[in-house]
Amino acid sequence: MQPPTPSPGTINIPAVDTPDTPAPTSPAHRSRAGGLLLLALLLIALATAGALGWRQWQALQAQERARSQQQRDALDARIDSLRQAQRAQSQRLQQAEATNRVLRDELLGLGQRAAAIEDSVSRLADADRHGALALRLDQVELLLSIGQQRLQLDGDLDGARRALALAAPLLAAVDDPTWLNLKQTLAQEQAALAALGPDPRTTAESLLERLVADIPLEQVAITDAKPSQAAPWYARLLDRIVRVQPTASAGLRDRADREAALAALQLEAALARTAIARRDDAGLRQALVRIDGWLQRLLAGSPQLAQRQRLAARLRATTLHPAAPLSGSTLAQLRAQRDS
């Protein structure tokens, strides 16, 4: 197909290719972008304000906690001081109670002494009182000397207690207030002797009698019983051939041997009684060692052996010499007061 031919008088201008130019932005698009920018700025401002507010709130909370901790510390310190004051007050109350108790006892003692003094003053007009007083004091000194000698030479607690018990009413009959301290000393010595309990020698003799009493003359052995007819034949045969007995009781199966062992045991018991009577602790322990050896032979295989050994241990631990720390204190005070 041929191109059209231009008409006469028409100028043909060739077409020139020009690049595409952007279309102008519309107002609606620009408004949407601005709104998003404002929204972003608003969110940033809100986040910044929230962060600042959070930090401020945390600071306030830290200050509040610090203030609360200071208040708790101050309250704890106050409570500790109050507890210390309460303990100090309770200690002072206890000390005051102890002081009041001591003062009460002293007042009671003063009242008793005052009553005794009044009773003594009422009898001062007696002209015969001096000779009777000297005689009574001699009797008291004699009894106190007897009691001290019995306690020192033989350890006789019962004799010393009886002597002081006889001297107490004689001294109580003395109405002179000069001897009031001597009466109190005698009462303390009597209380100390009473606190010692029974005489150790009596206790030791009782334990020794229980130790050597009721020793069987026949040997205790369960193997002496004959097997019954229902026992196996080899058991009956072994019983005729083999005889079992404790090793410690070897040589004491015959009656004569056991009688000799019992006689030896009684001899050792007699030696132990002699040691108890002499208050010989070493001799008693040596005799107990020999008695224990005979008991182990005579009571071998018997359940009584452990019981007898316990009795021997108790007897071995007994002290035959009684400890009397206040012995002779009344006698020494009486002599010193009479000499002065």
C-alpha atoms as a PDB file:
ATOM      1  CA  MET A   1       0.000   0.000   0.000  1.00  0.00           C
ATOM      2  CA  GLN A   2       1.455   3.352  -1.021  1.00  0.00           C
ATOM      3  CA  PRO A   3       1.613   6.315   1.275  1.00  0.00           C
ATOM      4  CA  PRO A   4      -0.622   9.174   0.577  1.00  0.00           C
ATOM      5  CA  THR A   5       0.763  11.855  -1.493  1.00  0.00           C
ATOM      6  CA  PRO A   6       0.742  15.313  -0.066  1.00  0.00           C
ATOM      7  CA  SER A   7      -1.436  17.803  -1.563  1.00  0.00           C
ATOM      8  CA  PRO A   8       0.033  20.926  -3.160  1.00  0.00           C
ATOM      9  CA  GLY A   9       0.684  23.677  -0.629  1.00  0.00           C
ATOM     10  CA  THR A  10       0.977  21.301   2.406  1.00  0.00           C
ATOM     11  CA  ILE A  11       4.222  21.055   4.382  1.00  0.00           C
ATOM     12  CA  ASN A  12       4.935  17.688   5.921  1.00  0.00           C
ATOM     13  CA  ILE A  13       6.756  17.777   9.226  1.00  0.00           C
ATOM     14  CA  PRO A  14       8.313  14.538  10.202  1.00  0.00           C
ATOM     15  CA  ALA A  15       7.265  13.112  13.583  1.00  0.00           C
ATOM     16  CA  VAL A  16       9.834  13.390  16.343  1.00  0.00           C
ATOM     17  CA  ASP A  17       9.811  10.729  19.207  1.00  0.00           C
ATOM     18  CA  THR A  18       9.746  12.478  22.578  1.00  0.00           C
ATOM     19  CA  PRO A  19      10.204  10.669  26.000  1.00  0.00           C
ATOM     20  CA  ASP A  20       7.245  10.081  28.289  1.00  0.00           C
ATOM     21  CA  THR A  21       6.936  12.760  30.958  1.00  0.00           C
ATOM     22  CA  PRO A  22       5.384  11.853  34.386  1.00  0.00           C
ATOM     23  CA  ALA A  23       1.923  12.810  34.996  1.00  0.00           C
ATOM     24  CA  PRO A  24       1.419  15.451  37.668  1.00  0.00           C
ATOM     25  CA  THR A  25       0.688  14.026  41.196  1.00  0.00           C
ATOM     26  CA  SER A  26      -2.821  14.271  42.277  1.00  0.00           C
ATOM     27  CA  PRO A  27      -3.804  16.135  45.518  1.00  0.00           C
ATOM     28  CA  ALA A  28      -5.333  12.977  47.044  1.00  0.00           C
ATOM     29  CA  HIS A  29      -2.010  11.113  46.915  1.00  0.00           C
ATOM     30  CA  ARG A  30      -0.172  13.991  48.605  1.00  0.00           C
ATOM     31  CA  SER A  31      -2.757  14.098  51.462  1.00  0.00           C
ATOM     32  CA  ARG A  32      -2.365  10.348  52.166  1.00  0.00           C
ATOM     33  CA  ALA A  33       1.455  10.615  52.470  1.00  0.00           C
ATOM     34  CA  GLY A  34       1.200  13.564  54.839  1.00  0.00           C
ATOM     35  CA  GLY A  35      -1.237  11.705  57.076  1.00  0.00           C
ATOM     36  CA  LEU A  36       1.097   8.746  57.333  1.00  0.00           C
ATOM     37  CA  LEU A  37       3.975  11.055  58.213  1.00  0.00           C
ATOM     38  CA  LEU A  38       1.930  12.756  60.915  1.00  0.00           C
ATOM     39  CA  LEU A  39       0.873   9.365  62.275  1.00  0.00           C
ATOM     40  CA  ALA A  40       4.502   8.219  62.437  1.00  0.00           C
ATOM     41  CA  LEU A  41       5.529  11.421  64.208  1.00  0.00           C
ATOM     42  CA  LEU A  42       2.656  10.985  66.644  1.00  0.00           C
ATOM     43  CA  LEU A  43       3.658   7.379  67.411  1.00  0.00           C
ATOM     44  CA  ILE A  44       7.294   8.443  67.966  1.00  0.00           C
ATOM     45  CA  ALA A  45       6.150  11.205  70.312  1.00  0.00           C
ATOM     46  CA  LEU A  46       3.909   8.798  72.225  1.00  0.00           C
ATOM     47  CA  ALA A  47       6.739   6.206  72.534  1.00  0.00           C
ATOM     48  CA  THR A  48       9.125   8.908  73.763  1.00  0.00           C
ATOM     49  CA  ALA A  49       6.595  10.167  76.279  1.00  0.00           C
ATOM     50  CA  GLY A  50       5.885   6.588  77.445  1.00  0.00           C
ATOM     51  CA  ALA A  51       9.604   5.860  77.896  1.00  0.00           C
ATOM     52  CA  LEU A  52      10.104   9.075  79.879  1.00  0.00           C
ATOM     53  CA  GLY A  53       7.054   8.303  81.991  1.00  0.00           C
ATOM     54  CA  TRP A  54       8.263   4.723  82.661  1.00  0.00           C
ATOM     55  CA  ARG A  55      11.686   5.966  83.748  1.00  0.00           C
ATOM     56  CA  GLN A  56      10.067   8.547  86.006  1.00  0.00           C
ATOM     57  CA  TRP A  57       7.791   5.882  87.507  1.00  0.00           C
ATOM     58  CA  GLN A  58      10.744   3.546  88.085  1.00  0.00           C
ATOM     59  CA  ALA A  59      12.653   6.357  89.837  1.00  0.00           C
ATOM     60  CA  LEU A  60       9.642   7.067  92.050  1.00  0.00           C
ATOM     61  CA  GLN A  61       9.297   3.365  92.872  1.00  0.00           C
ATOM     62  CA  ALA A  62      13.019   3.139  93.757  1.00  0.00           C
ATOM     63  CA  GLN A  63      12.696   6.175  96.039  1.00  0.00           C
ATOM     64  CA  GLU A  64       9.623   4.653  97.670  1.00  0.00           C
ATOM     65  CA  ARG A  65      11.414   1.327  98.237  1.00  0.00           C
ATOM     66  CA  ALA A  66      14.436   3.113  99.684  1.00  0.00           C
ATOM     67  CA  ARG A  67      12.175   5.097 101.994  1.00  0.00           C
ATOM     68  CA  SER A  68      10.324   1.919 103.051  1.00  0.00           C
ATOM     69  CA  GLN A  69      13.633   0.105 103.683  1.00  0.00           C
ATOM     70  CA  GLN A  70      14.857   2.998 105.831  1.00  0.00           C
ATOM     71  CA  GLN A  71      11.631   2.921 107.808  1.00  0.00           C
ATOM     72  CA  ARG A  72      11.913  -0.864 108.297  1.00  0.00           C
ATOM     73  CA  ASP A  73      15.545  -0.523 109.402  1.00  0.00           C
ATOM     74  CA  ALA A  74      14.612   2.197 111.850  1.00  0.00           C
ATOM     75  CA  LEU A  75      11.711   0.079 113.147  1.00  0.00           C
ATOM     76  CA  ASP A  76      13.979  -2.985 113.540  1.00  0.00           C
ATOM     77  CA  ALA A  77      16.544  -0.912 115.409  1.00  0.00           C
ATOM     78  CA  ARG A  78      13.791   0.409 117.671  1.00  0.00           C
ATOM     79  CA  ILE A  79      12.497  -3.114 118.310  1.00  0.00           C
ATOM     80  CA  ASP A  80      16.028  -4.352 119.119  1.00  0.00           C
ATOM     81  CA  SER A  81      16.543  -1.505 121.542  1.00  0.00           C
ATOM     82  CA  LEU A  82      13.187  -2.270 123.172  1.00  0.00           C
ATOM     83  CA  ARG A  83      14.130  -5.960 123.495  1.00  0.00           C
ATOM     84  CA  GLN A  84      17.466  -5.074 125.052  1.00  0.00           C
ATOM     85  CA  ALA A  85      15.704  -2.741 127.459  1.00  0.00           C
ATOM     86  CA  GLN A  86      13.204  -5.492 128.292  1.00  0.00           C
ATOM     87  CA  ARG A  87      16.002  -8.016 128.945  1.00  0.00           C
ATOM     88  CA  ALA A  88      17.829  -5.520 131.113  1.00  0.00           C
ATOM     89  CA  GLN A  89      14.614  -4.819 132.990  1.00  0.00           C
ATOM     90  CA  SER A  90      13.949  -8.550 133.534  1.00  0.00           C
ATOM     91  CA  GLN A  91      17.502  -9.030 134.797  1.00  0.00           C
ATOM     92  CA  ARG A  92      17.059  -6.153 137.195  1.00  0.00           C
ATOM     93  CA  LEU A  93      13.772  -7.674 138.364  1.00  0.00           C
ATOM     94  CA  GLN A  94      15.448 -11.046 138.940  1.00  0.00           C
ATOM     95  CA  GLN A  95      18.263  -9.396 140.860  1.00  0.00           C
ATOM     96  CA  ALA A  96      15.719  -7.489 142.892  1.00  0.00           C
ATOM     97  CA  GLU A  97      13.818 -10.713 143.633  1.00  0.00           C
ATOM     98  CA  ALA A  98      17.031 -12.460 144.695  1.00  0.00           C
ATOM     99  CA  THR A  99      17.932  -9.492 146.890  1.00  0.00           C
ATOM    100  CA  ASN A 100      14.465  -9.493 148.435  1.00  0.00           C
ATOM    101  CA  ARG A 101      14.728 -13.223 149.097  1.00  0.00           C
ATOM    102  CA  VAL A 102      18.091 -12.799 150.803  1.00  0.00           C
ATOM    103  CA  LEU A 103      16.779  -9.888 152.833  1.00  0.00           C
ATOM    104  CA  ARG A 104      13.728 -11.941 153.809  1.00  0.00           C
ATOM    105  CA  ASP A 105      15.934 -14.806 154.991  1.00  0.00           C
ATOM    106  CA  GLU A 106      18.126 -12.386 156.888  1.00  0.00           C
ATOM    107  CA  LEU A 107      15.065 -10.824 158.507  1.00  0.00           C
ATOM    108  CA  LEU A 108      13.811 -14.260 159.538  1.00  0.00           C
ATOM    109  CA  GLY A 109      17.238 -15.066 160.968  1.00  0.00           C
ATOM    110  CA  LEU A 110      17.295 -11.752 162.802  1.00  0.00           C
ATOM    111  CA  GLY A 111      13.828 -12.457 164.165  1.00  0.00           C
ATOM    112  CA  GLN A 112      14.924 -15.855 165.457  1.00  0.00           C
ATOM    113  CA  ARG A 113      18.060 -14.394 166.976  1.00  0.00           C
ATOM    114  CA  ALA A 114      16.025 -11.605 168.561  1.00  0.00           C
ATOM    115  CA  ALA A 115      13.614 -14.140 170.047  1.00  0.00           C
ATOM    116  CA  ALA A 116      16.521 -16.168 171.417  1.00  0.00           C
ATOM    117  CA  ILE A 117      18.117 -13.032 172.858  1.00  0.00           C
ATOM    118  CA  GLU A 118      14.867 -12.025 174.504  1.00  0.00           C
ATOM    119  CA  ASP A 119      14.533 -15.482 175.998  1.00  0.00           C
ATOM    120  CA  SER A 120      18.101 -15.328 177.247  1.00  0.00           C
ATOM    121  CA  VAL A 121      17.777 -11.843 178.713  1.00  0.00           C
ATOM    122  CA  SER A 122      14.761 -12.949 180.696  1.00  0.00           C
ATOM    123  CA  ARG A 123      16.952 -15.488 182.509  1.00  0.00           C
ATOM    124  CA  LEU A 124      19.945 -13.267 183.225  1.00  0.00           C
ATOM    125  CA  ALA A 125      18.862 -12.763 186.846  1.00  0.00           C
ATOM    126  CA  ASP A 126      19.488 -16.430 187.670  1.00  0.00           C
ATOM    127  CA  ALA A 127      22.500 -16.569 190.010  1.00  0.00           C
ATOM    128  CA  ASP A 128      23.139 -20.289 189.561  1.00  0.00           C
ATOM    129  CA  ARG A 129      23.302 -20.162 185.785  1.00  0.00           C
ATOM    130  CA  HIS A 130      27.102 -19.829 185.511  1.00  0.00           C
ATOM    131  CA  GLY A 131      27.940 -23.157 187.161  1.00  0.00           C
ATOM    132  CA  ALA A 132      25.171 -24.963 185.302  1.00  0.00           C
ATOM    133  CA  LEU A 133      26.334 -23.378 182.049  1.00  0.00           C
ATOM    134  CA  ALA A 134      29.926 -24.533 182.549  1.00  0.00           C
ATOM    135  CA  LEU A 135      28.766 -28.075 183.385  1.00  0.00           C
ATOM    136  CA  ARG A 136      26.494 -28.206 180.349  1.00  0.00           C
ATOM    137  CA  LEU A 137      29.264 -26.935 178.065  1.00  0.00           C
ATOM    138  CA  ASP A 138      31.594 -29.632 179.418  1.00  0.00           C
ATOM    139  CA  GLN A 139      29.001 -32.264 178.574  1.00  0.00           C
ATOM    140  CA  VAL A 140      28.586 -30.851 175.065  1.00  0.00           C
ATOM    141  CA  GLU A 141      32.347 -30.799 174.515  1.00  0.00           C
ATOM    142  CA  LEU A 142      32.665 -34.409 175.703  1.00  0.00           C
ATOM    143  CA  LEU A 143      29.949 -35.599 173.339  1.00  0.00           C
ATOM    144  CA  LEU A 144      31.404 -33.662 170.416  1.00  0.00           C
ATOM    145  CA  SER A 145      34.856 -35.132 171.125  1.00  0.00           C
ATOM    146  CA  ILE A 146      33.392 -38.650 171.203  1.00  0.00           C
ATOM    147  CA  GLY A 147      31.637 -38.106 167.894  1.00  0.00           C
ATOM    148  CA  GLN A 148      34.750 -36.714 166.216  1.00  0.00           C
ATOM    149  CA  GLN A 149      36.962 -39.538 167.481  1.00  0.00           C
ATOM    150  CA  ARG A 150      34.528 -42.220 166.308  1.00  0.00           C
ATOM    151  CA  LEU A 151      34.395 -40.601 162.881  1.00  0.00           C
ATOM    152  CA  GLN A 152      38.154 -40.123 162.528  1.00  0.00           C
ATOM    153  CA  LEU A 153      39.321 -43.452 163.974  1.00  0.00           C
ATOM    154  CA  ASP A 154      36.677 -45.811 162.635  1.00  0.00           C
ATOM    155  CA  GLY A 155      34.618 -43.763 160.186  1.00  0.00           C
ATOM    156  CA  ASP A 156      31.542 -44.513 162.289  1.00  0.00           C
ATOM    157  CA  LEU A 157      28.885 -42.229 160.828  1.00  0.00           C
ATOM    158  CA  ASP A 158      26.097 -43.607 162.988  1.00  0.00           C
ATOM    159  CA  GLY A 159      28.136 -43.112 166.183  1.00  0.00           C
ATOM    160  CA  ALA A 160      29.008 -39.544 165.178  1.00  0.00           C
ATOM    161  CA  ARG A 161      25.352 -38.812 164.405  1.00  0.00           C
ATOM    162  CA  ARG A 162      24.256 -40.178 167.788  1.00  0.00           C
ATOM    163  CA  ALA A 163      26.876 -38.118 169.619  1.00  0.00           C
ATOM    164  CA  LEU A 164      25.787 -34.915 167.878  1.00  0.00           C
ATOM    165  CA  ALA A 165      22.130 -35.768 168.481  1.00  0.00           C
ATOM    166  CA  LEU A 166      22.865 -36.058 172.214  1.00  0.00           C
ATOM    167  CA  ALA A 167      24.821 -32.799 172.252  1.00  0.00           C
ATOM    168  CA  ALA A 168      22.146 -30.795 170.392  1.00  0.00           C
ATOM    169  CA  PRO A 169      19.511 -30.662 173.210  1.00  0.00           C
ATOM    170  CA  LEU A 170      22.173 -29.884 175.802  1.00  0.00           C
ATOM    171  CA  LEU A 171      23.442 -26.970 173.747  1.00  0.00           C
ATOM    172  CA  ALA A 172      19.876 -25.847 172.970  1.00  0.00           C
ATOM    173  CA  ALA A 173      19.253 -25.563 176.728  1.00  0.00           C
ATOM    174  CA  VAL A 174      22.001 -22.933 176.994  1.00  0.00           C
ATOM    175  CA  ASP A 175      20.185 -19.587 177.206  1.00  0.00           C
ATOM    176  CA  ASP A 176      23.237 -17.381 176.847  1.00  0.00           C
ATOM    177  CA  PRO A 177      23.109 -15.519 173.477  1.00  0.00           C
ATOM    178  CA  THR A 178      26.897 -15.794 173.275  1.00  0.00           C
ATOM    179  CA  TRP A 179      26.545 -19.410 172.158  1.00  0.00           C
ATOM    180  CA  LEU A 180      23.973 -18.759 169.450  1.00  0.00           C
ATOM    181  CA  ASN A 181      26.521 -19.091 166.603  1.00  0.00           C
ATOM    182  CA  LEU A 182      27.676 -22.409 168.115  1.00  0.00           C
ATOM    183  CA  LYS A 183      24.109 -23.740 167.919  1.00  0.00           C
ATOM    184  CA  GLN A 184      23.916 -22.843 164.244  1.00  0.00           C
ATOM    185  CA  THR A 185      27.287 -24.511 163.570  1.00  0.00           C
ATOM    186  CA  LEU A 186      26.089 -27.690 165.301  1.00  0.00           C
ATOM    187  CA  ALA A 187      22.915 -27.704 163.183  1.00  0.00           C
ATOM    188  CA  GLN A 188      24.996 -27.356 159.993  1.00  0.00           C
ATOM    189  CA  GLU A 189      27.306 -30.224 161.013  1.00  0.00           C
ATOM    190  CA  GLN A 190      24.310 -32.444 161.777  1.00  0.00           C
ATOM    191  CA  ALA A 191      22.807 -31.650 158.369  1.00  0.00           C
ATOM    192  CA  ALA A 192      26.112 -32.462 156.644  1.00  0.00           C
ATOM    193  CA  LEU A 193      26.361 -35.846 158.406  1.00  0.00           C
ATOM    194  CA  ALA A 194      22.723 -36.646 157.619  1.00  0.00           C
ATOM    195  CA  ALA A 195      23.332 -35.865 153.927  1.00  0.00           C
ATOM    196  CA  LEU A 196      26.049 -38.547 153.740  1.00  0.00           C
ATOM    197  CA  GLY A 197      23.419 -41.290 153.884  1.00  0.00           C
ATOM    198  CA  PRO A 198      24.040 -44.752 155.346  1.00  0.00           C
ATOM    199  CA  ASP A 199      27.446 -45.973 156.436  1.00  0.00           C
ATOM    200  CA  PRO A 200      29.439 -47.214 153.387  1.00  0.00           C
ATOM    201  CA  ARG A 201      30.586 -50.177 155.428  1.00  0.00           C
ATOM    202  CA  THR A 202      26.998 -51.347 155.918  1.00  0.00           C
ATOM    203  CA  THR A 203      26.309 -50.993 152.214  1.00  0.00           C
ATOM    204  CA  ALA A 204      29.476 -52.901 151.324  1.00  0.00           C
ATOM    205  CA  GLU A 205      28.622 -55.753 153.728  1.00  0.00           C
ATOM    206  CA  SER A 206      25.146 -56.062 152.206  1.00  0.00           C
ATOM    207  CA  LEU A 207      26.561 -56.205 148.675  1.00  0.00           C
ATOM    208  CA  LEU A 208      29.155 -58.804 149.704  1.00  0.00           C
ATOM    209  CA  GLU A 209      26.505 -61.045 151.249  1.00  0.00           C
ATOM    210  CA  ARG A 210      24.465 -60.893 148.039  1.00  0.00           C
ATOM    211  CA  LEU A 211      27.600 -61.595 146.008  1.00  0.00           C
ATOM    212  CA  VAL A 212      28.579 -64.891 147.687  1.00  0.00           C
ATOM    213  CA  ALA A 213      25.145 -66.170 148.733  1.00  0.00           C
ATOM    214  CA  ASP A 214      23.263 -69.090 147.186  1.00  0.00           C
ATOM    215  CA  ILE A 215      26.111 -70.599 145.162  1.00  0.00           C
ATOM    216  CA  PRO A 216      24.817 -73.992 143.946  1.00  0.00           C
ATOM    217  CA  LEU A 217      26.792 -77.007 145.053  1.00  0.00           C
ATOM    218  CA  GLU A 218      25.977 -78.908 141.861  1.00  0.00           C
ATOM    219  CA  GLN A 219      27.498 -77.838 138.566  1.00  0.00           C
ATOM    220  CA  VAL A 220      25.145 -75.931 136.274  1.00  0.00           C
ATOM    221  CA  ALA A 221      25.361 -77.465 132.831  1.00  0.00           C
ATOM    222  CA  ILE A 222      22.598 -78.160 130.361  1.00  0.00           C
ATOM    223  CA  THR A 223      24.575 -80.974 128.767  1.00  0.00           C
ATOM    224  CA  ASP A 224      24.118 -83.171 131.844  1.00  0.00           C
ATOM    225  CA  ALA A 225      20.558 -84.013 130.823  1.00  0.00           C
ATOM    226  CA  LYS A 226      20.259 -87.442 129.249  1.00  0.00           C
ATOM    227  CA  PRO A 227      18.771 -87.540 125.764  1.00  0.00           C
ATOM    228  CA  SER A 228      15.333 -89.089 125.531  1.00  0.00           C
ATOM    229  CA  GLN A 229      14.634 -92.401 123.891  1.00  0.00           C
ATOM    230  CA  ALA A 230      13.150 -90.548 120.921  1.00  0.00           C
ATOM    231  CA  ALA A 231      16.540 -88.948 120.182  1.00  0.00           C
ATOM    232  CA  PRO A 232      18.534 -90.339 117.249  1.00  0.00           C
ATOM    233  CA  TRP A 233      20.829 -93.253 117.945  1.00  0.00           C
ATOM    234  CA  TYR A 234      23.955 -91.225 117.174  1.00  0.00           C
ATOM    235  CA  ALA A 235      22.925 -88.581 119.776  1.00  0.00           C
ATOM    236  CA  ARG A 236      22.601 -91.261 122.457  1.00  0.00           C
ATOM    237  CA  LEU A 237      25.917 -92.760 121.406  1.00  0.00           C
ATOM    238  CA  LEU A 238      27.739 -89.383 121.473  1.00  0.00           C
ATOM    239  CA  ASP A 239      26.273 -88.641 124.902  1.00  0.00           C
ATOM    240  CA  ARG A 240      27.928 -91.782 126.234  1.00  0.00           C
ATOM    241  CA  ILE A 241      31.261 -90.971 124.588  1.00  0.00           C
ATOM    242  CA  VAL A 242      31.555 -87.146 124.575  1.00  0.00           C
ATOM    243  CA  ARG A 243      30.848 -84.867 127.570  1.00  0.00           C
ATOM    244  CA  VAL A 244      30.661 -81.067 127.063  1.00  0.00           C
ATOM    245  CA  GLN A 245      31.301 -78.584 129.875  1.00  0.00           C
ATOM    246  CA  PRO A 246      32.439 -74.923 130.084  1.00  0.00           C
ATOM    247  CA  THR A 247      36.184 -74.392 129.985  1.00  0.00           C
ATOM    248  CA  ALA A 248      36.149 -72.134 133.056  1.00  0.00           C
ATOM    249  CA  SER A 249      34.638 -74.907 135.207  1.00  0.00           C
ATOM    250  CA  ALA A 250      37.267 -77.473 134.269  1.00  0.00           C
ATOM    251  CA  GLY A 251      38.257 -79.545 137.289  1.00  0.00           C
ATOM    252  CA  LEU A 252      35.089 -78.738 139.277  1.00  0.00           C
ATOM    253  CA  ARG A 253      32.758 -81.431 138.006  1.00  0.00           C
ATOM    254  CA  ASP A 254      33.108 -83.664 141.017  1.00  0.00           C
ATOM    255  CA  ARG A 255      31.259 -82.765 144.192  1.00  0.00           C
ATOM    256  CA  ALA A 256      34.402 -82.765 146.314  1.00  0.00           C
ATOM    257  CA  ASP A 257      36.135 -80.321 143.986  1.00  0.00           C
ATOM    258  CA  ARG A 258      33.172 -77.957 144.056  1.00  0.00           C
ATOM    259  CA  GLU A 259      33.004 -78.135 147.840  1.00  0.00           C
ATOM    260  CA  ALA A 260      36.683 -77.164 147.980  1.00  0.00           C
ATOM    261  CA  ALA A 261      36.057 -74.280 145.561  1.00  0.00           C
ATOM    262  CA  LEU A 262      33.109 -73.077 147.644  1.00  0.00           C
ATOM    263  CA  ALA A 263      35.264 -73.221 150.769  1.00  0.00           C
ATOM    264  CA  ALA A 264      37.925 -71.123 149.003  1.00  0.00           C
ATOM    265  CA  LEU A 265      35.224 -68.651 147.954  1.00  0.00           C
ATOM    266  CA  GLN A 266      33.976 -68.334 151.530  1.00  0.00           C
ATOM    267  CA  LEU A 267      37.566 -67.782 152.699  1.00  0.00           C
ATOM    268  CA  GLU A 268      37.976 -64.925 150.227  1.00  0.00           C
ATOM    269  CA  ALA A 269      34.603 -63.559 151.375  1.00  0.00           C
ATOM    270  CA  ALA A 270      35.858 -63.620 154.978  1.00  0.00           C
ATOM    271  CA  LEU A 271      38.964 -61.692 153.907  1.00  0.00           C
ATOM    272  CA  ALA A 272      36.722 -59.166 152.137  1.00  0.00           C
ATOM    273  CA  ARG A 273      34.606 -58.772 155.304  1.00  0.00           C
ATOM    274  CA  THR A 274      37.766 -58.144 157.300  1.00  0.00           C
ATOM    275  CA  ALA A 275      38.838 -55.490 154.793  1.00  0.00           C
ATOM    276  CA  ILE A 276      35.399 -53.863 155.044  1.00  0.00           C
ATOM    277  CA  ALA A 277      35.567 -53.867 158.836  1.00  0.00           C
ATOM    278  CA  ARG A 278      39.026 -52.237 158.702  1.00  0.00           C
ATOM    279  CA  ARG A 279      37.853 -49.890 155.900  1.00  0.00           C
ATOM    280  CA  ASP A 280      40.704 -51.179 153.753  1.00  0.00           C
ATOM    281  CA  ASP A 281      39.772 -50.237 150.183  1.00  0.00           C
ATOM    282  CA  ALA A 282      42.875 -51.836 148.622  1.00  0.00           C
ATOM    283  CA  GLY A 283      42.393 -55.105 150.518  1.00  0.00           C
ATOM    284  CA  LEU A 284      38.732 -55.223 149.524  1.00  0.00           C
ATOM    285  CA  ARG A 285      39.549 -54.778 145.839  1.00  0.00           C
ATOM    286  CA  GLN A 286      42.170 -57.557 145.949  1.00  0.00           C
ATOM    287  CA  ALA A 287      39.706 -59.910 147.629  1.00  0.00           C
ATOM    288  CA  LEU A 288      37.056 -59.034 145.027  1.00  0.00           C
ATOM    289  CA  VAL A 289      39.452 -59.941 142.211  1.00  0.00           C
ATOM    290  CA  ARG A 290      39.950 -63.404 143.715  1.00  0.00           C
ATOM    291  CA  ILE A 291      36.220 -63.778 144.423  1.00  0.00           C
ATOM    292  CA  ASP A 292      35.459 -62.925 140.792  1.00  0.00           C
ATOM    293  CA  GLY A 293      37.848 -65.664 139.643  1.00  0.00           C
ATOM    294  CA  TRP A 294      36.105 -68.283 141.795  1.00  0.00           C
ATOM    295  CA  LEU A 295      32.675 -67.109 140.661  1.00  0.00           C
ATOM    296  CA  GLN A 296      33.681 -67.463 137.018  1.00  0.00           C
ATOM    297  CA  ARG A 297      34.617 -71.089 137.703  1.00  0.00           C
ATOM    298  CA  LEU A 298      31.692 -72.000 139.935  1.00  0.00           C
ATOM    299  CA  LEU A 299      29.003 -70.247 137.850  1.00  0.00           C
ATOM    300  CA  ALA A 300      30.372 -70.955 134.387  1.00  0.00           C
ATOM    301  CA  GLY A 301      27.500 -71.302 131.943  1.00  0.00           C
ATOM    302  CA  SER A 302      24.984 -69.928 134.467  1.00  0.00           C
ATOM    303  CA  PRO A 303      22.916 -66.745 133.900  1.00  0.00           C
ATOM    304  CA  GLN A 304      23.718 -65.730 137.508  1.00  0.00           C
ATOM    305  CA  LEU A 305      27.331 -64.956 136.581  1.00  0.00           C
ATOM    306  CA  ALA A 306      26.547 -61.609 134.911  1.00  0.00           C
ATOM    307  CA  GLN A 307      24.404 -60.541 137.890  1.00  0.00           C
ATOM    308  CA  ARG A 308      27.158 -61.429 140.376  1.00  0.00           C
ATOM    309  CA  GLN A 309      29.717 -59.532 138.295  1.00  0.00           C
ATOM    310  CA  ARG A 310      27.517 -56.424 138.391  1.00  0.00           C
ATOM    311  CA  LEU A 311      27.315 -56.709 142.178  1.00  0.00           C
ATOM    312  CA  ALA A 312      31.102 -57.033 142.314  1.00  0.00           C
ATOM    313  CA  ALA A 313      31.492 -53.890 140.193  1.00  0.00           C
ATOM    314  CA  ARG A 314      29.196 -51.938 142.533  1.00  0.00           C
ATOM    315  CA  LEU A 315      31.108 -53.200 145.551  1.00  0.00           C
ATOM    316  CA  ARG A 316      34.413 -52.293 143.912  1.00  0.00           C
ATOM    317  CA  ALA A 317      33.189 -48.730 143.333  1.00  0.00           C
ATOM    318  CA  THR A 318      32.110 -48.273 146.967  1.00  0.00           C
ATOM    319  CA  THR A 319      34.338 -46.004 149.086  1.00  0.00           C
ATOM    320  CA  LEU A 320      34.644 -47.223 152.662  1.00  0.00           C
ATOM    321  CA  HIS A 321      35.893 -43.918 154.069  1.00  0.00           C
ATOM    322  CA  PRO A 322      33.029 -41.380 154.320  1.00  0.00           C
ATOM    323  CA  ALA A 323      33.849 -37.782 153.432  1.00  0.00           C
ATOM    324  CA  ALA A 324      32.744 -35.418 156.215  1.00  0.00           C
ATOM    325  CA  PRO A 325      34.049 -31.909 155.425  1.00  0.00           C
ATOM    326  CA  LEU A 326      32.388 -30.263 158.473  1.00  0.00           C
ATOM    327  CA  SER A 327      33.494 -32.888 160.965  1.00  0.00           C
ATOM    328  CA  GLY A 328      34.843 -31.299 164.151  1.00  0.00           C
ATOM    329  CA  SER A 329      33.853 -27.736 163.239  1.00  0.00           C
ATOM    330  CA  THR A 330      31.492 -27.409 166.222  1.00  0.00           C
ATOM    331  CA  LEU A 331      34.066 -28.789 168.633  1.00  0.00           C
ATOM    332  CA  ALA A 332      36.785 -26.441 167.330  1.00  0.00           C
ATOM    333  CA  GLN A 333      34.475 -23.422 167.619  1.00  0.00           C
ATOM    334  CA  LEU A 334      33.409 -24.427 171.130  1.00  0.00           C
ATOM    335  CA  ARG A 335      36.988 -24.740 172.341  1.00  0.00           C
ATOM    336  CA  ALA A 336      38.034 -21.488 170.694  1.00  0.00           C
ATOM    337  CA  GLN A 337      35.085 -19.620 172.199  1.00  0.00           C
ATOM    338  CA  ARG A 338      35.702 -21.029 175.666  1.00  0.00           C
ATOM    339  CA  ASP A 339      39.381 -20.177 175.490  1.00  0.00           C
ATOM    340  CA  SER A 340      38.610 -16.599 174.493  1.00  0.00           C
END
